[in-house]
C-alpha atoms as a PDB file:
ATOM      1  CA  MET A   1       0.000   0.000   0.000  1.00  0.00           C
ATOM      2  CA  SER A   2       2.666   2.532   1.003  1.00  0.00           C
ATOM      3  CA  GLU A   3       4.713   1.564  -2.059  1.00  0.00           C
ATOM      4  CA  SER A   4       1.818   2.370  -4.370  1.00  0.00           C
ATOM      5  CA  VAL A   5       1.271   5.710  -2.615  1.00  0.00           C
ATOM      6  CA  VAL A   6       4.930   6.626  -3.134  1.00  0.00           C
ATOM      7  CA  CYS A   7       4.724   5.619  -6.806  1.00  0.00           C
ATOM      8  CA  LEU A   8       1.549   7.657  -7.209  1.00  0.00           C
ATOM      9  CA  LEU A   9       3.106  10.719  -5.563  1.00  0.00           C
ATOM     10  CA  THR A  10       6.206  10.373  -7.738  1.00  0.00           C
ATOM     11  CA  PHE A  11       4.018  10.165 -10.828  1.00  0.00           C
ATOM     12  CA  PHE A  12       2.081  13.318  -9.870  1.00  0.00           C
ATOM     13  CA  ALA A  13       5.306  15.155  -9.091  1.00  0.00           C
ATOM     14  CA  ILE A  14       6.626  14.339 -12.563  1.00  0.00           C
ATOM     15  CA  VAL A  15       3.344  15.304 -14.202  1.00  0.00           C
ATOM     16  CA  TYR A  16       3.385  18.611 -12.312  1.00  0.00           C
ATOM     17  CA  VAL A  17       6.961  19.289 -13.439  1.00  0.00           C
ATOM     18  CA  ALA A  18       5.970  18.540 -17.030  1.00  0.00           C
ATOM     19  CA  THR A  19       3.039  20.952 -17.062  1.00  0.00           C
ATOM     20  CA  CYS A  20       4.965  24.154 -16.565  1.00  0.00           C
ATOM     21  CA  ILE A  21       8.136  25.816 -17.721  1.00  0.00           C
ATOM     22  CA  ASP A  22       9.462  28.229 -15.155  1.00  0.00           C
ATOM     23  CA  ASP A  23      12.030  29.982 -17.341  1.00  0.00           C
ATOM     24  CA  LYS A  24      10.393  30.643 -20.685  1.00  0.00           C
ATOM     25  CA  CYS A  25      13.417  32.632 -21.841  1.00  0.00           C
ATOM     26  CA  ALA A  26      15.724  29.622 -21.389  1.00  0.00           C
ATOM     27  CA  ALA A  27      13.210  27.323 -23.099  1.00  0.00           C
ATOM     28  CA  CYS A  28      12.792  29.756 -25.995  1.00  0.00           C
ATOM     29  CA  ASN A  29      16.565  29.972 -26.376  1.00  0.00           C
ATOM     30  CA  ALA A  30      16.718  26.170 -26.584  1.00  0.00           C
ATOM     31  CA  VAL A  31      14.112  26.217 -29.382  1.00  0.00           C
ATOM     32  CA  ALA A  32      16.069  29.011 -31.091  1.00  0.00           C
ATOM     33  CA  GLU A  33      19.261  26.958 -30.824  1.00  0.00           C
ATOM     34  CA  GLU A  34      17.584  23.997 -32.530  1.00  0.00           C
ATOM     35  CA  LEU A  35      16.215  26.261 -35.295  1.00  0.00           C
ATOM     36  CA  GLU A  36      19.675  27.758 -35.693  1.00  0.00           C
ATOM     37  CA  LEU A  37      21.086  24.248 -36.087  1.00  0.00           C
ATOM     38  CA  GLY A  38      18.549  23.738 -38.870  1.00  0.00           C
ATOM     39  CA  LEU A  39      19.611  26.975 -40.554  1.00  0.00           C
ATOM     40  CA  SER A  40      23.297  26.156 -40.320  1.00  0.00           C
ATOM     41  CA  SER A  41      22.806  22.634 -41.669  1.00  0.00           C
ATOM     42  CA  GLU A  42      20.676  23.680 -44.646  1.00  0.00           C
ATOM     43  CA  LYS A  43      21.936  22.024 -47.770  1.00  0.00           C
ATOM     44  CA  PRO A  44      22.936  24.414 -50.502  1.00  0.00           C
ATOM     45  CA  ARG A  45      20.217  24.553 -53.107  1.00  0.00           C
ATOM     46  CA  ASN A  46      20.516  25.377 -56.713  1.00  0.00           C
ATOM     47  CA  HIS A  47      18.542  28.357 -57.757  1.00  0.00           C
ATOM     48  CA  LEU A  48      15.533  27.656 -59.945  1.00  0.00           C
ATOM     49  CA  ASP A  49      16.578  28.213 -63.537  1.00  0.00           C
ATOM     50  CA  MET A  50      13.657  29.640 -65.536  1.00  0.00           C
ATOM     51  CA  ARG A  51      15.765  30.398 -68.651  1.00  0.00           C
ATOM     52  CA  HIS A  52      13.969  28.083 -71.041  1.00  0.00           C
ATOM     53  CA  SER A  53      13.946  30.111 -74.217  1.00  0.00           C
ATOM     54  CA  LEU A  54      16.682  31.489 -76.443  1.00  0.00           C
ATOM     55  CA  ASP A  55      16.990  35.026 -77.703  1.00  0.00           C
ATOM     56  CA  SER A  56      17.963  35.977 -81.286  1.00  0.00           C
ATOM     57  CA  LYS A  57      21.668  35.498 -80.475  1.00  0.00           C
ATOM     58  CA  GLY A  58      21.174  31.965 -79.126  1.00  0.00           C
ATOM     59  CA  GLN A  59      21.575  33.044 -75.486  1.00  0.00           C
ATOM     60  CA  ARG A  60      19.217  31.774 -72.813  1.00  0.00           C
ATOM     61  CA  LYS A  61      16.721  34.316 -71.575  1.00  0.00           C
ATOM     62  CA  GLY A  62      14.542  34.291 -68.507  1.00  0.00           C
ATOM     63  CA  ARG A  63      15.197  34.456 -64.770  1.00  0.00           C
ATOM     64  CA  VAL A  64      17.135  32.480 -62.182  1.00  0.00           C
ATOM     65  CA  ILE A  65      15.127  32.368 -58.952  1.00  0.00           C
ATOM     66  CA  ASP A  66      16.875  32.482 -55.555  1.00  0.00           C
ATOM     67  CA  TYR A  67      15.910  29.568 -53.249  1.00  0.00           C
ATOM     68  CA  ARG A  68      16.165  31.590 -50.059  1.00  0.00           C
ATOM     69  CA  LEU A  69      14.347  34.830 -50.767  1.00  0.00           C
ATOM     70  CA  SER A  70      10.788  35.658 -51.721  1.00  0.00           C
ATOM     71  CA  HIS A  71      11.371  39.199 -52.982  1.00  0.00           C
ATOM     72  CA  CYS A  72       9.774  39.670 -56.344  1.00  0.00           C
ATOM     73  CA  ASN A  73      10.040  42.316 -59.037  1.00  0.00           C
ATOM     74  CA  HIS A  74       7.754  40.679 -61.562  1.00  0.00           C
ATOM     75  CA  MET A  75       4.472  38.856 -61.137  1.00  0.00           C
ATOM     76  CA  LEU A  76       5.544  35.752 -63.053  1.00  0.00           C
ATOM     77  CA  ASP A  77       8.610  34.903 -61.006  1.00  0.00           C
ATOM     78  CA  GLY A  78       7.084  36.364 -57.824  1.00  0.00           C
ATOM     79  CA  PHE A  79       4.777  33.366 -57.566  1.00  0.00           C
ATOM     80  CA  VAL A  80       7.677  30.957 -58.083  1.00  0.00           C
ATOM     81  CA  ARG A  81       9.855  32.788 -55.555  1.00  0.00           C
ATOM     82  CA  LEU A  82       7.079  32.704 -53.002  1.00  0.00           C
ATOM     83  CA  LYS A  83       6.587  28.957 -53.432  1.00  0.00           C
ATOM     84  CA  VAL A  84      10.330  28.251 -53.226  1.00  0.00           C
ATOM     85  CA  SER A  85      10.750  30.311 -50.054  1.00  0.00           C
ATOM     86  CA  GLU A  86       7.615  28.704 -48.547  1.00  0.00           C
ATOM     87  CA  LEU A  87       9.249  25.333 -49.119  1.00  0.00           C
ATOM     88  CA  ARG A  88      12.276  26.571 -47.199  1.00  0.00           C
ATOM     89  CA  VAL A  89      10.075  27.665 -44.277  1.00  0.00           C
ATOM     90  CA  VAL A  90       8.341  24.296 -44.194  1.00  0.00           C
ATOM     91  CA  GLU A  91      11.672  22.483 -44.267  1.00  0.00           C
ATOM     92  CA  LEU A  92      13.010  24.583 -41.375  1.00  0.00           C
ATOM     93  CA  LEU A  93       9.939  24.497 -39.111  1.00  0.00           C
ATOM     94  CA  ASP A  94       8.529  21.062 -39.891  1.00  0.00           C
ATOM     95  CA  GLY A  95       9.556  18.685 -37.117  1.00  0.00           C
ATOM     96  CA  LEU A  96      11.229  21.398 -35.034  1.00  0.00           C
ATOM     97  CA  CYS A  97       9.116  20.667 -31.950  1.00  0.00           C
ATOM     98  CA  GLU A  98       9.648  16.912 -32.317  1.00  0.00           C
ATOM     99  CA  LYS A  99      13.401  17.580 -32.292  1.00  0.00           C
ATOM    100  CA  MET A 100      12.913  19.375 -28.970  1.00  0.00           C
ATOM    101  CA  GLN A 101      12.164  15.975 -27.429  1.00  0.00           C
ATOM    102  CA  ASP A 102      15.948  15.476 -27.514  1.00  0.00           C
ATOM    103  CA  TYR A 103      16.274  18.213 -24.876  1.00  0.00           C
ATOM    104  CA  THR A 104      15.905  18.021 -21.129  1.00  0.00           C
ATOM    105  CA  LEU A 105      16.456  20.307 -18.173  1.00  0.00           C
ATOM    106  CA  GLU A 106      19.790  19.937 -16.420  1.00  0.00           C
ATOM    107  CA  LYS A 107      19.687  21.106 -12.809  1.00  0.00           C
ATOM    108  CA  VAL A 108      22.368  23.727 -12.274  1.00  0.00           C
ATOM    109  CA  ASP A 109      21.538  24.374  -8.641  1.00  0.00           C
ATOM    110  CA  SER A 110      18.495  24.273  -6.374  1.00  0.00           C
ATOM    111  CA  THR A 111      17.029  27.384  -8.002  1.00  0.00           C
ATOM    112  CA  GLY A 112      17.265  26.571 -11.674  1.00  0.00           C
ATOM    113  CA  GLY A 113      18.625  24.705 -14.613  1.00  0.00           C
ATOM    114  CA  ARG A 114      19.472  24.902 -18.272  1.00  0.00           C
ATOM    115  CA  TRP A 115      18.101  23.128 -21.316  1.00  0.00           C
ATOM    116  CA  ILE A 116      20.551  20.722 -22.892  1.00  0.00           C
ATOM    117  CA  LYS A 117      20.433  18.465 -25.925  1.00  0.00           C
ATOM    118  CA  VAL A 118      20.751  14.797 -25.009  1.00  0.00           C
ATOM    119  CA  HIS A 119      22.624  12.656 -27.490  1.00  0.00           C
ATOM    120  CA  ASP A 120      22.293   9.362 -25.604  1.00  0.00           C
ATOM    121  CA  TRP A 121      19.314   8.893 -23.256  1.00  0.00           C
ATOM    122  CA  ASP A 122      20.724   5.605 -21.972  1.00  0.00           C
ATOM    123  CA  SER A 123      23.780   7.345 -20.554  1.00  0.00           C
ATOM    124  CA  LEU A 124      21.809   9.792 -18.390  1.00  0.00           C
ATOM    125  CA  THR A 125      22.728   9.579 -14.728  1.00  0.00           C
ATOM    126  CA  THR A 126      19.686  11.560 -13.617  1.00  0.00           C
ATOM    127  CA  ASN A 127      16.136  10.291 -13.273  1.00  0.00           C
ATOM    128  CA  ARG A 128      15.241   9.256 -16.834  1.00  0.00           C
ATOM    129  CA  GLN A 129      11.526   9.470 -16.200  1.00  0.00           C
ATOM    130  CA  GLU A 130      11.861  13.050 -15.015  1.00  0.00           C
ATOM    131  CA  ALA A 131      14.221  13.860 -17.919  1.00  0.00           C
ATOM    132  CA  ARG A 132      11.663  12.490 -20.408  1.00  0.00           C
ATOM    133  CA  ALA A 133       8.931  14.548 -18.736  1.00  0.00           C
ATOM    134  CA  TYR A 134      11.046  17.666 -19.257  1.00  0.00           C
ATOM    135  CA  SER A 135      11.606  16.740 -22.906  1.00  0.00           C
ATOM    136  CA  LYS A 136       7.862  16.436 -23.488  1.00  0.00           C
ATOM    137  CA  ASP A 137       7.370  19.722 -21.686  1.00  0.00           C
ATOM    138  CA  ILE A 138       9.760  21.669 -23.911  1.00  0.00           C
ATOM    139  CA  SER A 139       8.307  20.005 -26.999  1.00  0.00           C
ATOM    140  CA  SER A 140       4.827  21.184 -25.955  1.00  0.00           C
ATOM    141  CA  TYR A 141       6.201  24.632 -25.188  1.00  0.00           C
ATOM    142  CA  CYS A 142       7.717  24.737 -28.683  1.00  0.00           C
ATOM    143  CA  GLY A 143       4.328  23.894 -30.193  1.00  0.00           C
ATOM    144  CA  ARG A 144       2.619  26.673 -28.255  1.00  0.00           C
ATOM    145  CA  LEU A 145       5.369  29.146 -29.162  1.00  0.00           C
ATOM    146  CA  LEU A 146       5.181  28.354 -32.871  1.00  0.00           C
ATOM    147  CA  GLU A 147       1.400  28.506 -32.784  1.00  0.00           C
ATOM    148  CA  GLU A 148       1.652  32.088 -31.490  1.00  0.00           C
ATOM    149  CA  ILE A 149       4.359  33.379 -33.828  1.00  0.00           C
ATOM    150  CA  GLU A 150       4.554  31.050 -36.832  1.00  0.00           C
ATOM    151  CA  ASP A 151       3.156  33.487 -39.412  1.00  0.00           C
ATOM    152  CA  GLU A 152       5.492  36.312 -38.400  1.00  0.00           C
ATOM    153  CA  LEU A 153       8.458  33.933 -38.172  1.00  0.00           C
ATOM    154  CA  ALA A 154       7.684  32.474 -41.605  1.00  0.00           C
ATOM    155  CA  ASP A 155       7.542  35.976 -43.109  1.00  0.00           C
ATOM    156  CA  LEU A 156      10.912  36.870 -41.572  1.00  0.00           C
ATOM    157  CA  ILE A 157      12.487  33.640 -42.831  1.00  0.00           C
ATOM    158  CA  LYS A 158      11.133  34.322 -46.341  1.00  0.00           C
ATOM    159  CA  LYS A 159      12.585  37.838 -46.255  1.00  0.00           C
ATOM    160  CA  GLY A 160      15.974  36.509 -45.143  1.00  0.00           C
ATOM    161  CA  SER A 161      15.807  38.309 -41.784  1.00  0.00           C
ATOM    162  CA  VAL A 162      16.374  35.133 -39.759  1.00  0.00           C
ATOM    163  CA  ARG A 163      20.005  34.105 -40.042  1.00  0.00           C
ATOM    164  CA  THR A 164      22.494  32.093 -38.067  1.00  0.00           C
ATOM    165  CA  GLY A 165      23.525  34.226 -35.115  1.00  0.00           C
ATOM    166  CA  ASN A 166      20.290  36.189 -34.671  1.00  0.00           C
ATOM    167  CA  VAL A 167      17.687  33.434 -34.273  1.00  0.00           C
ATOM    168  CA  SER A 168      17.454  33.767 -30.497  1.00  0.00           C
ATOM    169  CA  LYS A 169      16.925  37.530 -30.700  1.00  0.00           C
ATOM    170  CA  VAL A 170      14.268  37.240 -33.393  1.00  0.00           C
ATOM    171  CA  LEU A 171      12.446  34.293 -31.823  1.00  0.00           C
ATOM    172  CA  CYS A 172      12.695  35.085 -28.111  1.00  0.00           C
ATOM    173  CA  GLN A 173      12.919  38.874 -27.922  1.00  0.00           C
ATOM    174  CA  ASP A 174      11.257  40.309 -31.009  1.00  0.00           C
ATOM    175  CA  LEU A 175       8.472  37.788 -31.688  1.00  0.00           C
ATOM    176  CA  GLY A 176       7.912  35.621 -28.613  1.00  0.00           C
ATOM    177  CA  LYS A 177       8.687  38.358 -26.059  1.00  0.00           C
ATOM    178  CA  HIS A 178       9.894  35.662 -23.625  1.00  0.00           C
ATOM    179  CA  CYS A 179      13.272  37.353 -23.138  1.00  0.00           C
ATOM    180  CA  ASN A 180      14.132  40.983 -22.753  1.00  0.00           C
ATOM    181  CA  LYS A 181      17.334  42.607 -23.954  1.00  0.00           C
ATOM    182  CA  ALA A 182      18.668  42.932 -20.416  1.00  0.00           C
ATOM    183  CA  SER A 183      18.054  39.281 -19.543  1.00  0.00           C
ATOM    184  CA  ASP A 184      20.986  36.960 -19.300  1.00  0.00           C
ATOM    185  CA  PRO A 185      21.014  34.696 -22.363  1.00  0.00           C
ATOM    186  CA  HIS A 186      20.624  31.053 -21.376  1.00  0.00           C
ATOM    187  CA  GLN A 187      22.911  29.208 -23.722  1.00  0.00           C
ATOM    188  CA  VAL A 188      22.070  25.663 -24.705  1.00  0.00           C
ATOM    189  CA  ASP A 189      25.205  23.584 -25.049  1.00  0.00           C
ATOM    190  CA  VAL A 190      24.433  21.208 -27.909  1.00  0.00           C
ATOM    191  CA  ASN A 191      28.074  20.163 -28.199  1.00  0.00           C
ATOM    192  CA  ASP A 192      28.343  19.097 -24.581  1.00  0.00           C
ATOM    193  CA  HIS A 193      30.392  15.914 -24.820  1.00  0.00           C
ATOM    194  CA  ARG A 194      29.563  15.008 -21.222  1.00  0.00           C
ATOM    195  CA  LEU A 195      26.144  13.875 -22.408  1.00  0.00           C
ATOM    196  CA  SER A 196      27.473  11.100 -24.560  1.00  0.00           C
ATOM    197  CA  HIS A 197      29.632   9.864 -21.693  1.00  0.00           C
ATOM    198  CA  GLY A 198      26.853   9.813 -19.114  1.00  0.00           C
ATOM    199  CA  GLU A 199      28.182  12.680 -16.995  1.00  0.00           C
ATOM    200  CA  LEU A 200      24.905  14.569 -16.835  1.00  0.00           C
END
C-alpha cells in the first residue's frame, strides 16, 4: 500500500513538473538553438533556372530564382519565388518541436537549470523518467510558441531576416517576447560531450 502511494506521488510530481516551464526565456533559447542548427545545416540549393527560351543570339533568356528569398520584381517569377521560399520555411519548421524531445532540463543548482540536448538517453545519470517529462514539456512549449508566432516567423524567414547568429533575438525577444534585452542569455550547449559519456 505505502509503495503504491509513493509511486503515485512520484508520478504526480513528474506530471506537475511537465506541465509548466518556469524559465520561458531559457526554453525559448533552446528552441532558437535547434532552429539555428537547422539553418546552419541547410543544404545548398541550386537556384531555380527559368531560362527556357533562347533570344535571337542563341543566349538563354529568362530568370534564375533564388531559393532563399521571396522578394519579387515581376508577377511571373514572384509566384515561383514565393513557393520556393515557402518550401524553405516548411523544411526549417517542420519537425522542429519533435526535435525538442531530444532536450531536457539539467539542474544547475536548487534554483534553476538549463536546457541541454541529449545525445544518448541511456547514458543519463539523472532520473530518466523526469528527464523524459522535461523533454515532453519543452516540446509542448515549442508547439505553443510556434502557434503564437509562426506566421510572423515564416515571413521573416522568407525575407531573409532570420540568419544564423540572430535566431534567439528574433524568436525570443522580437516575436515571442519571452526574453528581454537585459536578460541573461541562457545558452544551450548542444556540443556538450559530457552527455554522450553519461556525466549529466
